[in-house]
Protein backbone atom coordinates (compact mmCIF):
# COMPACT_ATOMS: atom_id res chain seq x y z
CA UNK A 1 115.78 -41.27 223.90
CA UNK A 2 115.37 -38.00 225.78
CA UNK A 3 118.89 -36.98 224.75
CA UNK A 4 118.03 -37.78 221.13
CA UNK A 5 114.88 -35.62 221.27
CA UNK A 6 116.85 -32.78 222.83
CA UNK A 7 119.49 -33.06 220.10
CA UNK A 8 116.79 -33.02 217.40
CA UNK A 9 115.27 -29.84 218.89
CA UNK A 10 118.63 -28.10 218.97
CA UNK A 11 119.56 -29.01 215.39
CA UNK A 12 116.13 -28.64 213.76
CA UNK A 13 115.13 -25.61 211.71
CA UNK A 14 112.90 -23.32 213.76
CA UNK A 15 110.66 -20.34 213.12
CA UNK A 16 111.09 -17.96 216.10
CA UNK A 17 108.13 -16.35 217.78
CA UNK A 18 109.28 -12.90 216.63
CA UNK A 19 108.91 -13.93 212.98
CA UNK A 20 105.50 -15.43 213.62
CA UNK A 21 104.40 -12.23 215.35
CA UNK A 22 105.60 -10.20 212.38
CA UNK A 23 103.65 -12.34 209.93
CA UNK A 24 100.52 -12.16 212.06
CA UNK A 25 100.74 -8.38 212.42
CA UNK A 26 101.15 -7.87 208.66
CA UNK A 27 98.28 -10.24 207.81
CA UNK A 28 95.89 -8.58 210.26
CA UNK A 29 97.01 -5.08 209.30
CA UNK A 30 96.04 -5.74 205.68
CA UNK A 31 92.62 -6.86 206.90
CA UNK A 32 92.25 -3.73 209.07
CA UNK A 33 92.95 -1.26 206.24
CA UNK A 34 90.90 -2.91 203.48
CA UNK A 35 90.02 -1.92 200.78
CA UNK A 36 93.26 0.07 200.96
CA UNK A 37 96.24 -2.05 200.01
CA UNK A 38 100.01 -2.28 199.56
CA UNK A 39 100.60 -1.89 195.80
CA UNK A 40 104.24 -2.99 196.07
CA UNK A 41 103.81 -5.56 198.84
CA UNK A 42 105.73 -5.56 202.10
CA UNK A 43 109.26 -4.20 201.94
CA UNK A 44 111.86 -6.92 201.47
CA UNK A 45 114.81 -4.64 202.16
CA UNK A 46 113.49 -3.12 205.37
CA UNK A 47 115.49 -0.10 206.54
CA UNK A 48 112.88 1.52 208.74
CA UNK A 49 109.80 1.37 206.50
CA UNK A 50 107.73 -1.82 206.21
CA UNK A 51 105.40 -0.83 203.39
CA UNK A 52 103.54 1.80 201.43
CA UNK A 53 99.76 2.06 201.53
CA UNK A 54 97.57 3.30 198.70
CA UNK A 55 94.23 4.78 199.72
CA UNK A 56 91.23 3.79 197.61
CA UNK A 57 87.65 4.88 197.28
CA UNK A 58 84.87 2.91 198.95
CA UNK A 59 83.61 -0.38 197.51
CA UNK A 60 80.58 0.31 195.31
CA UNK A 61 77.57 -1.92 194.68
CA UNK A 62 79.46 -3.85 192.00
CA UNK A 63 82.39 -4.39 194.39
CA UNK A 64 84.57 -2.02 192.39
CA UNK A 65 87.12 0.21 194.08
CA UNK A 66 89.19 3.01 192.61
CA UNK A 67 92.79 3.81 193.65
CA UNK A 68 93.17 7.48 194.63
CA UNK A 69 96.93 7.94 193.99
CA UNK A 70 97.30 8.95 197.62
CA UNK A 71 100.00 7.13 199.58
CA UNK A 72 101.55 6.90 203.02
CA UNK A 73 104.30 4.79 204.50
CA UNK A 74 103.96 2.54 207.52
CA UNK A 75 106.40 1.15 210.07
CA UNK A 76 104.67 -1.76 211.80
CA UNK A 77 105.73 -3.13 215.18
CA UNK A 78 104.14 -6.05 217.06
CA UNK A 79 104.20 -5.92 220.86
CA UNK A 80 103.52 -8.82 223.23
CA UNK A 81 103.43 -6.82 226.46
CA UNK A 82 102.53 -3.20 225.70
CA UNK A 83 102.79 -0.48 228.33
CA UNK A 84 99.55 1.43 228.96
CA UNK A 85 99.16 4.51 231.14
CA UNK A 86 96.49 7.22 231.40
CA UNK A 87 95.02 6.73 227.96
CA UNK A 88 98.32 6.17 226.15
CA UNK A 89 100.40 3.26 224.87
CA UNK A 90 104.16 3.75 225.05
CA UNK A 91 106.84 2.57 222.66
CA UNK A 92 110.60 3.12 222.73
CA UNK A 93 112.45 3.54 219.44
CA UNK A 94 115.76 4.83 218.14
CA UNK A 95 116.03 8.60 217.71
CA UNK A 96 117.68 8.27 214.30
CA UNK A 97 114.56 6.48 213.04
CA UNK A 98 112.32 9.35 214.14
CA UNK A 99 114.58 11.76 212.26
CA UNK A 100 114.60 9.49 209.20
CA UNK A 101 110.78 9.17 209.14
CA UNK A 102 110.32 12.91 209.66
CA UNK A 103 112.40 13.64 206.54
CA UNK A 104 110.18 11.53 204.29
CA UNK A 105 108.52 13.16 201.30
CA UNK A 106 105.22 11.36 202.04
CA UNK A 107 103.44 10.80 205.40
CA UNK A 108 104.91 8.19 207.74
CA UNK A 109 102.74 6.33 210.22
CA UNK A 110 104.22 4.35 213.12
CA UNK A 111 101.82 1.51 213.93
CA UNK A 112 101.89 -0.69 217.04
CA UNK A 113 100.10 -4.05 216.98
CA UNK A 114 98.93 -5.27 220.38
CA UNK A 115 99.20 -9.05 220.04
CA UNK A 116 96.88 -9.65 222.99
CA UNK A 117 93.96 -7.54 221.81
CA UNK A 118 94.58 -7.51 218.07
CA UNK A 119 94.32 -3.71 217.98
CA UNK A 120 96.49 -1.33 215.96
CA UNK A 121 97.54 2.04 217.39
CA UNK A 122 99.13 4.67 215.18
CA UNK A 123 101.19 7.84 215.44
CA UNK A 124 102.06 10.20 212.59
CA UNK A 125 105.70 11.28 212.51
CA UNK A 126 105.05 14.96 211.83
CA UNK A 127 105.47 18.52 213.10
CA UNK A 128 102.98 17.94 215.92
CA UNK A 129 105.03 15.04 217.31
CA UNK A 130 108.36 16.85 216.90
CA UNK A 131 106.98 19.95 218.64
CA UNK A 132 105.78 17.76 221.51
CA UNK A 133 109.20 16.11 221.83
CA UNK A 134 110.90 19.53 221.73
CA UNK A 135 108.65 20.88 224.48
CA UNK A 136 109.30 17.84 226.67
CA UNK A 137 113.07 17.75 226.15
CA UNK A 138 114.78 20.08 223.62
CA UNK A 139 117.87 17.84 223.65
CA UNK A 140 116.04 14.69 222.57
CA UNK A 141 117.88 14.51 219.18
CA UNK A 142 121.10 13.84 221.11
CA UNK A 143 119.64 10.72 222.75
CA UNK A 144 119.99 7.18 221.45
CA UNK A 145 116.37 6.18 222.09
CA UNK A 146 113.14 7.96 222.92
CA UNK A 147 109.72 6.88 224.17
CA UNK A 148 106.67 7.79 222.09
CA UNK A 149 103.28 7.97 223.83
CA UNK A 150 100.41 7.21 221.46
CA UNK A 151 96.81 8.10 222.44
CA UNK A 152 94.57 5.03 222.61
CA UNK A 153 92.05 6.98 220.53
CA UNK A 154 94.50 6.59 217.60
CA UNK A 155 93.25 3.07 216.97
CA UNK A 156 92.81 1.88 213.38
CA UNK A 157 89.19 1.02 212.64
CA UNK A 158 86.50 1.82 210.09
CA UNK A 159 85.68 4.92 212.17
CA UNK A 160 89.24 6.30 212.18
CA UNK A 161 90.08 5.43 208.57
CA UNK A 162 88.26 8.59 207.48
CA UNK A 163 90.52 10.62 209.78
CA UNK A 164 93.60 8.89 208.35
CA UNK A 165 92.40 9.54 204.81
CA UNK A 166 91.82 13.25 205.50
CA UNK A 167 95.25 13.53 207.10
CA UNK A 168 97.00 12.04 204.05
CA UNK A 169 95.00 14.20 201.62
CA UNK A 170 95.90 17.40 203.49
CA UNK A 171 99.48 16.49 204.44
CA UNK A 172 102.28 18.84 203.52
CA UNK A 173 105.97 18.06 203.78
CA UNK A 174 107.45 19.71 206.90
CA UNK A 175 109.49 22.79 206.09
CA UNK A 176 111.63 22.56 209.21
CA UNK A 177 114.57 20.22 209.71
CA UNK A 178 115.90 18.53 212.80
CA UNK A 179 119.48 19.61 213.50
CA UNK A 180 121.79 16.68 213.96
CA UNK A 181 123.66 16.40 217.29
CA UNK A 182 126.78 18.60 217.30
CA UNK A 183 125.77 20.67 214.27
CA UNK A 184 124.19 23.41 216.41
CA UNK A 185 127.42 24.05 218.34
CA UNK A 186 129.42 23.97 215.11
CA UNK A 187 127.16 26.66 213.62
CA UNK A 188 127.40 28.78 216.77
CA UNK A 189 131.20 28.69 216.63
CA UNK A 190 131.22 29.58 212.92
CA UNK A 191 128.87 32.51 213.54
CA UNK A 192 131.16 33.85 216.29
CA UNK A 193 134.14 33.67 213.95
CA UNK A 194 132.25 35.47 211.17
CA UNK A 195 131.10 38.15 213.59
CA UNK A 196 134.67 38.76 214.73
CA UNK A 197 135.81 38.98 211.10
CA UNK A 198 133.01 41.44 210.35
CA UNK A 199 134.03 43.57 213.36
CA UNK A 200 137.70 43.66 212.30
CA UNK A 201 136.78 44.75 208.75
CA UNK A 202 134.31 47.44 209.91
CA UNK A 203 136.40 48.86 212.79
CA UNK A 204 138.58 51.26 210.71
CA UNK A 205 135.48 52.98 209.28
CA UNK A 206 133.86 53.71 212.69
CA UNK A 207 130.29 53.27 211.42
CA UNK A 208 128.02 53.61 214.44
CA UNK A 209 125.12 51.64 212.90
CA UNK A 210 127.39 48.72 211.98
CA UNK A 211 128.94 48.78 215.46
CA UNK A 212 125.46 48.49 216.99
CA UNK A 213 124.64 45.54 214.72
CA UNK A 214 127.84 43.79 215.69
């Protein structure tokens, strides 16, 4: 009988804990951001973005809300055993995802769901984050993964939703780009070659000013 039960467990269809955690995080996230909503639902073909949020006005006395045509994207991750230290929660992710999110033409918010407390912590993938990563380790784009430290004050609640709203309203697409690994050295080599070509062309004319520039 025990062998039969064991066989039934092994052959039965199961829903893994990771899927259940994902469902729970999405359900509770929708509750946390209300009356904002996901106009297109959760992404079915998920390649680094889980959904797009539309910000709305407040609910009036007649329970009417107005969409504001202001959007941001969210990448939602549920964590069973988060790492906390000195007012921060840490999360390790792939570097290529940071680069992908940073290139987006609308704001991208990385959100961590603490399964134990039910709290959501967020980090914008923007110039401020990239500058922080650069100051910590300029070679971080060459890594496979990187750890992001999110302040615990960045916790989604009715109090912080106003801050999120203001951020989205005032957001501007970053003008800078992150150089892909290897591209920097390729550009340096090309610039050396061009400089040598310039020098060989200018040499017969003996222009002092051009020589100084070279």
